[in-house]
Amino acid sequence: MSLDLVAALELDEAAEVAKITERLRELLRSHLRRRGLIVAISGGIDSAVCAALAVGAVGPERVLSLIHI
């Protein structure tokens, strides 16, 4: 892989998390008019990431996680 491609693929993880959580807060306030989130989780890594982002956006007291067993 060329160095230019490697540099183009680098992410600032903290900045991306901040952007996603801010957008979740913005959507809750302006479009959904809700104070919390419900996250359906399966136990996989993508579900864990979604739950973590939701908690980061609104706090653990405002996130309800549902799991299907």
N, C-alpha and C. Protein backbone atom coordinates (compact mmCIF):
# COMPACT_ATOMS: atom_id res chain seq x y z
N MET A 1 0.84 -1.17 0.00
CA MET A 1 0.00 0.00 0.00
C MET A 1 0.89 1.24 0.00
N SER A 2 0.49 2.25 -0.74
CA SER A 2 1.30 3.47 -0.78
C SER A 2 1.10 4.25 0.51
N LEU A 3 2.08 5.07 0.83
CA LEU A 3 2.01 5.89 2.04
C LEU A 3 0.86 6.88 1.99
N ASP A 4 0.54 7.40 0.80
CA ASP A 4 -0.57 8.34 0.66
C ASP A 4 -1.90 7.67 1.04
N LEU A 5 -2.08 6.45 0.61
CA LEU A 5 -3.31 5.72 0.92
C LEU A 5 -3.39 5.42 2.41
N VAL A 6 -2.29 5.02 3.01
CA VAL A 6 -2.26 4.75 4.44
C VAL A 6 -2.61 6.01 5.22
N ALA A 7 -2.03 7.13 4.84
CA ALA A 7 -2.32 8.39 5.52
C ALA A 7 -3.78 8.79 5.34
N ALA A 8 -4.35 8.53 4.17
CA ALA A 8 -5.74 8.88 3.91
C ALA A 8 -6.70 8.03 4.73
N LEU A 9 -6.29 6.84 5.10
CA LEU A 9 -7.15 5.94 5.87
C LEU A 9 -7.03 6.11 7.38
N GLU A 10 -6.11 6.93 7.84
CA GLU A 10 -5.94 7.13 9.27
C GLU A 10 -7.13 7.90 9.85
N LEU A 11 -7.54 7.50 11.04
CA LEU A 11 -8.67 8.13 11.72
C LEU A 11 -8.23 8.70 13.05
N ASP A 12 -8.85 9.78 13.43
CA ASP A 12 -8.72 10.30 14.79
C ASP A 12 -9.95 9.78 15.53
N GLU A 13 -9.78 8.64 16.21
CA GLU A 13 -10.91 7.95 16.82
C GLU A 13 -11.69 8.83 17.79
N ALA A 14 -11.00 9.58 18.62
CA ALA A 14 -11.67 10.44 19.60
C ALA A 14 -12.52 11.50 18.90
N ALA A 15 -12.01 12.07 17.83
CA ALA A 15 -12.77 13.09 17.09
C ALA A 15 -14.00 12.47 16.43
N GLU A 16 -13.87 11.26 15.91
CA GLU A 16 -15.01 10.59 15.28
C GLU A 16 -16.09 10.25 16.30
N VAL A 17 -15.67 9.78 17.47
CA VAL A 17 -16.63 9.49 18.54
C VAL A 17 -17.35 10.77 18.95
N ALA A 18 -16.62 11.86 19.07
CA ALA A 18 -17.22 13.14 19.44
C ALA A 18 -18.24 13.60 18.40
N LYS A 19 -17.93 13.42 17.13
CA LYS A 19 -18.86 13.80 16.06
C LYS A 19 -20.13 12.97 16.11
N ILE A 20 -19.98 11.67 16.31
CA ILE A 20 -21.14 10.77 16.33
C ILE A 20 -22.03 11.06 17.54
N THR A 21 -21.43 11.21 18.71
CA THR A 21 -22.23 11.46 19.91
C THR A 21 -22.92 12.82 19.85
N GLU A 22 -22.25 13.81 19.30
CA GLU A 22 -22.89 15.13 19.16
C GLU A 22 -24.06 15.05 18.19
N ARG A 23 -23.91 14.32 17.12
CA ARG A 23 -25.00 14.16 16.15
C ARG A 23 -26.18 13.41 16.77
N LEU A 24 -25.91 12.40 17.59
CA LEU A 24 -26.99 11.70 18.28
C LEU A 24 -27.76 12.66 19.19
N ARG A 25 -27.02 13.48 19.96
CA ARG A 25 -27.68 14.47 20.83
C ARG A 25 -28.51 15.46 20.02
N GLU A 26 -27.96 15.92 18.90
CA GLU A 26 -28.66 16.87 18.05
C GLU A 26 -29.95 16.27 17.49
N LEU A 27 -29.88 15.04 17.01
CA LEU A 27 -31.08 14.37 16.48
C LEU A 27 -32.14 14.16 17.55
N LEU A 28 -31.72 13.79 18.75
CA LEU A 28 -32.67 13.60 19.84
C LEU A 28 -33.39 14.90 20.17
N ARG A 29 -32.64 15.99 20.21
CA ARG A 29 -33.23 17.30 20.54
C ARG A 29 -34.13 17.83 19.43
N SER A 30 -33.62 17.89 18.23
CA SER A 30 -34.30 18.63 17.17
C SER A 30 -35.33 17.81 16.40
N HIS A 31 -35.03 16.58 16.07
CA HIS A 31 -35.92 15.81 15.22
C HIS A 31 -36.81 14.83 16.00
N LEU A 32 -36.21 14.11 16.91
CA LEU A 32 -36.96 13.08 17.62
C LEU A 32 -37.69 13.60 18.85
N ARG A 33 -37.17 14.69 19.40
CA ARG A 33 -37.74 15.29 20.63
C ARG A 33 -37.89 14.27 21.74
N ARG A 34 -36.80 13.56 21.98
CA ARG A 34 -36.74 12.54 23.03
C ARG A 34 -35.55 12.84 23.93
N ARG A 35 -35.56 12.25 25.12
CA ARG A 35 -34.48 12.47 26.08
C ARG A 35 -33.54 11.28 26.21
N GLY A 36 -33.87 10.16 25.58
CA GLY A 36 -33.04 8.98 25.71
C GLY A 36 -33.10 8.12 24.46
N LEU A 37 -32.39 7.00 24.55
CA LEU A 37 -32.28 6.09 23.41
C LEU A 37 -32.58 4.66 23.84
N ILE A 38 -33.15 3.90 22.93
CA ILE A 38 -33.31 2.46 23.10
C ILE A 38 -32.39 1.80 22.09
N VAL A 39 -31.54 0.91 22.56
CA VAL A 39 -30.57 0.23 21.69
C VAL A 39 -30.84 -1.27 21.77
N ALA A 40 -31.14 -1.86 20.63
CA ALA A 40 -31.30 -3.32 20.55
C ALA A 40 -29.92 -3.92 20.31
N ILE A 41 -29.52 -4.82 21.18
CA ILE A 41 -28.18 -5.40 21.07
C ILE A 41 -28.25 -6.91 20.88
N SER A 42 -27.25 -7.42 20.16
CA SER A 42 -27.20 -8.86 19.89
C SER A 42 -26.08 -9.55 20.65
N GLY A 43 -25.18 -8.78 21.18
CA GLY A 43 -24.02 -9.34 21.86
C GLY A 43 -22.76 -9.25 21.03
N GLY A 44 -22.88 -8.77 19.80
CA GLY A 44 -21.72 -8.62 18.93
C GLY A 44 -21.00 -7.30 19.15
N ILE A 45 -19.88 -7.15 18.48
CA ILE A 45 -19.07 -5.95 18.65
C ILE A 45 -19.79 -4.71 18.14
N ASP A 46 -20.55 -4.83 17.04
CA ASP A 46 -21.26 -3.66 16.52
C ASP A 46 -22.33 -3.19 17.50
N SER A 47 -23.00 -4.12 18.17
CA SER A 47 -23.98 -3.75 19.19
C SER A 47 -23.31 -3.06 20.37
N ALA A 48 -22.18 -3.55 20.76
CA ALA A 48 -21.44 -2.95 21.88
C ALA A 48 -21.00 -1.53 21.53
N VAL A 49 -20.57 -1.33 20.31
CA VAL A 49 -20.16 0.01 19.87
C VAL A 49 -21.37 0.95 19.88
N CYS A 50 -22.49 0.49 19.35
CA CYS A 50 -23.70 1.32 19.34
C CYS A 50 -24.14 1.69 20.75
N ALA A 51 -24.11 0.72 21.65
CA ALA A 51 -24.48 0.99 23.04
C ALA A 51 -23.51 1.97 23.69
N ALA A 52 -22.23 1.81 23.44
CA ALA A 52 -21.23 2.73 24.01
C ALA A 52 -21.41 4.14 23.47
N LEU A 53 -21.69 4.28 22.19
CA LEU A 53 -21.93 5.60 21.61
C LEU A 53 -23.18 6.24 22.20
N ALA A 54 -24.22 5.45 22.38
CA ALA A 54 -25.45 5.97 22.98
C ALA A 54 -25.21 6.45 24.40
N VAL A 55 -24.48 5.67 25.19
CA VAL A 55 -24.16 6.07 26.56
C VAL A 55 -23.28 7.32 26.55
N GLY A 56 -22.35 7.39 25.63
CA GLY A 56 -21.50 8.57 25.52
C GLY A 56 -22.29 9.82 25.15
N ALA A 57 -23.36 9.64 24.39
CA ALA A 57 -24.15 10.78 23.94
C ALA A 57 -25.10 11.30 25.01
N VAL A 58 -25.78 10.39 25.72
CA VAL A 58 -26.83 10.84 26.65
C VAL A 58 -26.66 10.36 28.08
N GLY A 59 -25.67 9.53 28.33
CA GLY A 59 -25.44 9.03 29.68
C GLY A 59 -26.15 7.71 29.91
N PRO A 60 -25.63 6.89 30.83
CA PRO A 60 -26.18 5.55 31.04
C PRO A 60 -27.61 5.55 31.57
N GLU A 61 -28.01 6.59 32.28
CA GLU A 61 -29.36 6.64 32.84
C GLU A 61 -30.43 6.89 31.77
N ARG A 62 -30.01 7.28 30.58
CA ARG A 62 -30.96 7.58 29.50
C ARG A 62 -30.85 6.61 28.32
N VAL A 63 -30.24 5.45 28.57
CA VAL A 63 -30.12 4.41 27.52
C VAL A 63 -30.75 3.13 28.04
N LEU A 64 -31.65 2.58 27.26
CA LEU A 64 -32.27 1.29 27.56
C LEU A 64 -31.79 0.32 26.50
N SER A 65 -31.18 -0.77 26.94
CA SER A 65 -30.69 -1.79 26.01
C SER A 65 -31.60 -3.00 26.05
N LEU A 66 -31.96 -3.47 24.88
CA LEU A 66 -32.77 -4.67 24.75
C LEU A 66 -31.94 -5.75 24.09
N ILE A 67 -32.01 -6.95 24.64
CA ILE A 67 -31.27 -8.07 24.04
C ILE A 67 -32.24 -9.22 23.83
N HIS A 68 -32.14 -9.82 22.67
CA HIS A 68 -32.99 -10.97 22.34
C HIS A 68 -32.18 -12.24 22.55
N ILE A 69 -32.70 -13.14 23.39
CA ILE A 69 -31.99 -14.39 23.63
C ILE A 69 -32.78 -15.57 23.11
